[in-house]
C-alpha atoms as a PDB file:
ATOM      1  CA  MET A   1      -0.099   0.235   0.165  1.00  0.00           C
ATOM      2  CA  GLN A   2       1.355   3.279  -0.626  1.00  0.00           C
ATOM      3  CA  THR A   3       2.237   5.942   2.025  1.00  0.00           C
ATOM      4  CA  GLY A   4      -0.527   8.296   2.639  1.00  0.00           C
ATOM      5  CA  GLU A   5      -3.350   6.301   1.132  1.00  0.00           C
ATOM      6  CA  PRO A   6      -6.313   5.653   3.402  1.00  0.00           C
ATOM      7  CA  ALA A   7      -6.451   1.737   4.279  1.00  0.00           C
ATOM      8  CA  PHE A   8      -9.522  -0.264   3.064  1.00  0.00           C
ATOM      9  CA  VAL A   9     -10.749  -3.558   3.235  1.00  0.00           C
ATOM     10  CA  VAL A  10     -12.663  -5.193   0.464  1.00  0.00           C
ATOM     11  CA  MET A  11     -15.635  -7.799   1.232  1.00  0.00           C
ATOM     12  CA  ALA A  12     -17.084 -10.218  -0.943  1.00  0.00           C
ATOM     13  CA  ASP A  13     -20.505 -11.366   0.094  1.00  0.00           C
ATOM     14  CA  ASP A  14     -23.530 -11.936  -1.648  1.00  0.00           C
ATOM     15  CA  ASP A  15     -25.764 -10.967   1.708  1.00  0.00           C
ATOM     16  CA  ASP A  16     -26.395  -6.995   1.807  1.00  0.00           C
ATOM     17  CA  ASP A  17     -27.094  -7.475   5.236  1.00  0.00           C
ATOM     18  CA  ASP A  18     -23.861  -8.991   6.441  1.00  0.00           C
ATOM     19  CA  CYS A  19     -22.074  -6.526   4.295  1.00  0.00           C
ATOM     20  CA  LEU A  20     -23.800  -3.475   6.359  1.00  0.00           C
ATOM     21  CA  ILE A  21     -23.372  -5.320   9.341  1.00  0.00           C
ATOM     22  CA  ALA A  22     -19.753  -5.870   8.807  1.00  0.00           C
ATOM     23  CA  GLY A  23     -19.294  -2.294   7.898  1.00  0.00           C
ATOM     24  CA  ASP A  24     -20.719  -0.863  11.245  1.00  0.00           C
ATOM     25  CA  ALA A  25     -18.627  -3.623  13.292  1.00  0.00           C
ATOM     26  CA  TYR A  26     -15.553  -2.115  11.562  1.00  0.00           C
ATOM     27  CA  LYS A  27     -16.759   1.216  12.426  1.00  0.00           C
ATOM     28  CA  GLU A  28     -17.296   0.510  15.906  1.00  0.00           C
ATOM     29  CA  ALA A  29     -13.833  -1.100  16.128  1.00  0.00           C
ATOM     30  CA  GLU A  30     -12.495   1.877  15.019  1.00  0.00           C
ATOM     31  CA  GLY A  31     -11.015   0.327  11.758  1.00  0.00           C
ATOM     32  CA  PRO A  32      -9.506   2.733   9.673  1.00  0.00           C
ATOM     33  CA  GLY A  33     -10.928   3.787   6.049  1.00  0.00           C
ATOM     34  CA  VAL A  34     -13.805   1.965   4.900  1.00  0.00           C
ATOM     35  CA  ILE A  35     -15.087  -1.576   3.983  1.00  0.00           C
ATOM     36  CA  HIS A  36     -15.844  -1.686   0.301  1.00  0.00           C
ATOM     37  CA  CYS A  37     -18.266  -4.530  -0.503  1.00  0.00           C
ATOM     38  CA  VAL A  38     -18.722  -6.625  -3.844  1.00  0.00           C
ATOM     39  CA  GLU A  39     -21.825  -8.997  -4.512  1.00  0.00           C
ATOM     40  CA  ASP A  40     -19.492 -12.091  -5.725  1.00  0.00           C
ATOM     41  CA  GLY A  41     -16.295 -13.256  -7.104  1.00  0.00           C
ATOM     42  CA  ILE A  42     -16.463 -12.137 -10.425  1.00  0.00           C
ATOM     43  CA  ALA A  43     -17.276  -8.577  -8.882  1.00  0.00           C
ATOM     44  CA  LEU A  44     -14.309  -9.119  -6.552  1.00  0.00           C
ATOM     45  CA  MET A  45     -11.560 -10.235  -9.183  1.00  0.00           C
ATOM     46  CA  ASP A  46     -12.697  -6.941 -11.498  1.00  0.00           C
ATOM     47  CA  PHE A  47     -12.272  -4.825  -8.402  1.00  0.00           C
ATOM     48  CA  LEU A  48      -8.942  -5.915  -7.804  1.00  0.00           C
ATOM     49  CA  ALA A  49      -8.021  -5.550 -11.152  1.00  0.00           C
ATOM     50  CA  GLU A  50      -8.954  -2.309 -11.620  1.00  0.00           C
ATOM     51  CA  CYS A  51      -7.654  -1.161  -7.873  1.00  0.00           C
ATOM     52  CA  ARG A  52      -4.893   1.412  -8.155  1.00  0.00           C
ATOM     53  CA  VAL A  53      -4.127   0.611  -4.470  1.00  0.00           C
ATOM     54  CA  LYS A  54      -4.307  -2.848  -2.916  1.00  0.00           C
ATOM     55  CA  PRO A  55      -6.818  -3.479  -0.430  1.00  0.00           C
ATOM     56  CA  ALA A  56      -5.345  -3.929   3.272  1.00  0.00           C
ATOM     57  CA  LEU A  57      -7.533  -7.063   3.696  1.00  0.00           C
ATOM     58  CA  ILE A  58      -9.899  -9.056   1.777  1.00  0.00           C
ATOM     59  CA  LEU A  59     -12.912 -10.682   3.517  1.00  0.00           C
ATOM     60  CA  LEU A  60     -14.410 -13.692   1.752  1.00  0.00           C
ATOM     61  CA  ASP A  61     -17.865 -15.531   1.749  1.00  0.00           C
ATOM     62  CA  LEU A  62     -17.876 -18.987   0.298  1.00  0.00           C
ATOM     63  CA  ASN A  63     -20.919 -19.766  -1.020  1.00  0.00           C
ATOM     64  CA  MET A  64     -21.767 -16.743  -3.788  1.00  0.00           C
ATOM     65  CA  PRO A  65     -22.992 -16.907  -6.851  1.00  0.00           C
ATOM     66  CA  ARG A  66     -21.415 -17.077 -10.347  1.00  0.00           C
ATOM     67  CA  LYS A  67     -18.055 -17.846  -8.734  1.00  0.00           C
ATOM     68  CA  ASP A  68     -17.958 -19.031  -5.299  1.00  0.00           C
ATOM     69  CA  GLY A  69     -15.032 -17.937  -2.632  1.00  0.00           C
ATOM     70  CA  ARG A  70     -13.460 -21.458  -2.896  1.00  0.00           C
ATOM     71  CA  GLN A  71     -12.568 -20.580  -6.593  1.00  0.00           C
ATOM     72  CA  VAL A  72     -11.568 -17.063  -5.998  1.00  0.00           C
ATOM     73  CA  LEU A  73      -9.460 -18.071  -3.166  1.00  0.00           C
ATOM     74  CA  LYS A  74      -7.517 -20.297  -5.273  1.00  0.00           C
ATOM     75  CA  GLU A  75      -7.373 -17.221  -8.112  1.00  0.00           C
ATOM     76  CA  ILE A  76      -6.105 -14.871  -5.972  1.00  0.00           C
ATOM     77  CA  LYS A  77      -3.308 -16.903  -4.249  1.00  0.00           C
ATOM     78  CA  THR A  78      -2.047 -17.787  -8.128  1.00  0.00           C
ATOM     79  CA  ILE A  79      -1.597 -14.231  -8.944  1.00  0.00           C
ATOM     80  CA  PRO A  80       1.666 -12.594  -7.934  1.00  0.00           C
ATOM     81  CA  ASP A  81      -0.079  -8.948  -7.640  1.00  0.00           C
ATOM     82  CA  PHE A  82      -2.555 -10.143  -5.024  1.00  0.00           C
ATOM     83  CA  LYS A  83      -1.125 -13.391  -3.523  1.00  0.00           C
ATOM     84  CA  ASP A  84       0.225 -11.185  -0.843  1.00  0.00           C
ATOM     85  CA  ILE A  85      -3.205  -9.493   0.453  1.00  0.00           C
ATOM     86  CA  PRO A  86      -4.305 -11.446   3.438  1.00  0.00           C
ATOM     87  CA  VAL A  87      -7.910 -13.130   3.069  1.00  0.00           C
ATOM     88  CA  VAL A  88     -10.198 -13.897   5.760  1.00  0.00           C
ATOM     89  CA  VAL A  89     -13.009 -16.305   4.953  1.00  0.00           C
ATOM     90  CA  PHE A  90     -16.227 -15.348   6.625  1.00  0.00           C
ATOM     91  CA  THR A  91     -19.257 -18.054   5.900  1.00  0.00           C
ATOM     92  CA  THR A  92     -21.878 -19.300   7.521  1.00  0.00           C
ATOM     93  CA  SER A  93     -20.220 -22.842   6.907  1.00  0.00           C
ATOM     94  CA  ARG A  94     -19.315 -24.667  10.480  1.00  0.00           C
ATOM     95  CA  GLU A  95     -17.724 -27.674   7.881  1.00  0.00           C
ATOM     96  CA  GLU A  96     -14.213 -28.502   9.221  1.00  0.00           C
ATOM     97  CA  LYS A  97     -13.323 -29.331   5.640  1.00  0.00           C
ATOM     98  CA  ASP A  98     -14.095 -25.857   4.442  1.00  0.00           C
ATOM     99  CA  ARG A  99     -11.914 -24.456   7.413  1.00  0.00           C
ATOM    100  CA  VAL A 100      -9.299 -27.258   6.472  1.00  0.00           C
ATOM    101  CA  SER A 101      -9.336 -26.608   2.312  1.00  0.00           C
ATOM    102  CA  CYS A 102      -9.490 -22.872   2.904  1.00  0.00           C
ATOM    103  CA  ARG A 103      -6.334 -22.720   5.129  1.00  0.00           C
ATOM    104  CA  GLU A 104      -4.586 -25.127   2.442  1.00  0.00           C
ATOM    105  CA  MET A 105      -5.517 -22.585  -0.116  1.00  0.00           C
ATOM    106  CA  GLY A 106      -3.739 -19.439   1.688  1.00  0.00           C
ATOM    107  CA  ALA A 107      -6.650 -17.997   3.835  1.00  0.00           C
ATOM    108  CA  GLU A 108      -5.337 -16.542   6.633  1.00  0.00           C
ATOM    109  CA  LEU A 109      -8.069 -17.357   9.025  1.00  0.00           C
ATOM    110  CA  PHE A 110     -11.674 -18.946   8.788  1.00  0.00           C
ATOM    111  CA  PHE A 111     -14.623 -17.475  10.648  1.00  0.00           C
ATOM    112  CA  THR A 112     -18.107 -18.315  10.678  1.00  0.00           C
ATOM    113  CA  LYS A 113     -20.183 -15.500  10.647  1.00  0.00           C
ATOM    114  CA  PRO A 114     -21.088 -14.623  14.267  1.00  0.00           C
ATOM    115  CA  VAL A 115     -25.025 -13.868  15.083  1.00  0.00           C
ATOM    116  CA  ALA A 116     -24.475 -11.294  18.149  1.00  0.00           C
ATOM    117  CA  PHE A 117     -23.095  -7.689  16.750  1.00  0.00           C
ATOM    118  CA  GLY A 118     -20.487  -7.655  19.438  1.00  0.00           C
ATOM    119  CA  GLU A 119     -18.667 -10.688  18.212  1.00  0.00           C
ATOM    120  CA  TRP A 120     -18.717  -9.121  14.952  1.00  0.00           C
ATOM    121  CA  VAL A 121     -17.131  -6.168  16.856  1.00  0.00           C
ATOM    122  CA  ARG A 122     -14.668  -8.289  18.207  1.00  0.00           C
ATOM    123  CA  ILE A 123     -13.488 -10.159  15.164  1.00  0.00           C
ATOM    124  CA  MET A 124     -13.013  -6.647  13.310  1.00  0.00           C
ATOM    125  CA  LYS A 125     -10.893  -5.390  15.907  1.00  0.00           C
ATOM    126  CA  LEU A 126      -8.595  -8.486  15.760  1.00  0.00           C
ATOM    127  CA  LEU A 127      -8.253  -8.155  12.106  1.00  0.00           C
ATOM    128  CA  THR A 128      -7.680  -4.361  12.548  1.00  0.00           C
ATOM    129  CA  ASP A 129      -5.071  -4.809  14.963  1.00  0.00           C
ATOM    130  CA  ARG A 130      -3.534  -7.860  13.106  1.00  0.00           C
ATOM    131  CA  TRP A 131      -3.277  -6.318   9.454  1.00  0.00           C
ATOM    132  CA  ILE A 132      -4.161  -2.559   9.229  1.00  0.00           C
ATOM    133  CA  ALA A 133      -3.029  -0.987  12.008  1.00  0.00           C
ATOM    134  CA  THR A 134       0.392  -1.950  11.502  1.00  0.00           C
ATOM    135  CA  ARG A 135       0.484  -0.615   8.307  1.00  0.00           C
END
């Protein structure tokens, strides 16, 4: 990321409510910059290709139409310009096989989407402290 550019997170999720909750939780956790949401994996890859500044972090849902999170994660980690962007999976899946396969493909962390807003805030604070505040 270039010096002086605001930090931002991009979230790929086809659920508008989850995008809104994530954005609100990020603000509550005092995350710098913003969360930019896209509706699926194709939109995420298009966004990354057109972005002049890399996002500090990618939040990725697994179950999306057109191109799902598994396909996108695999693709991101094969593209030299994108492979160093940390990817955190946020999904409704509780399957251990999803957790394992995402880690094997290069996801930094895997979270089942929380129900309580306070848990969203806690996770956003953890992510901010780990990848964004240190930039």
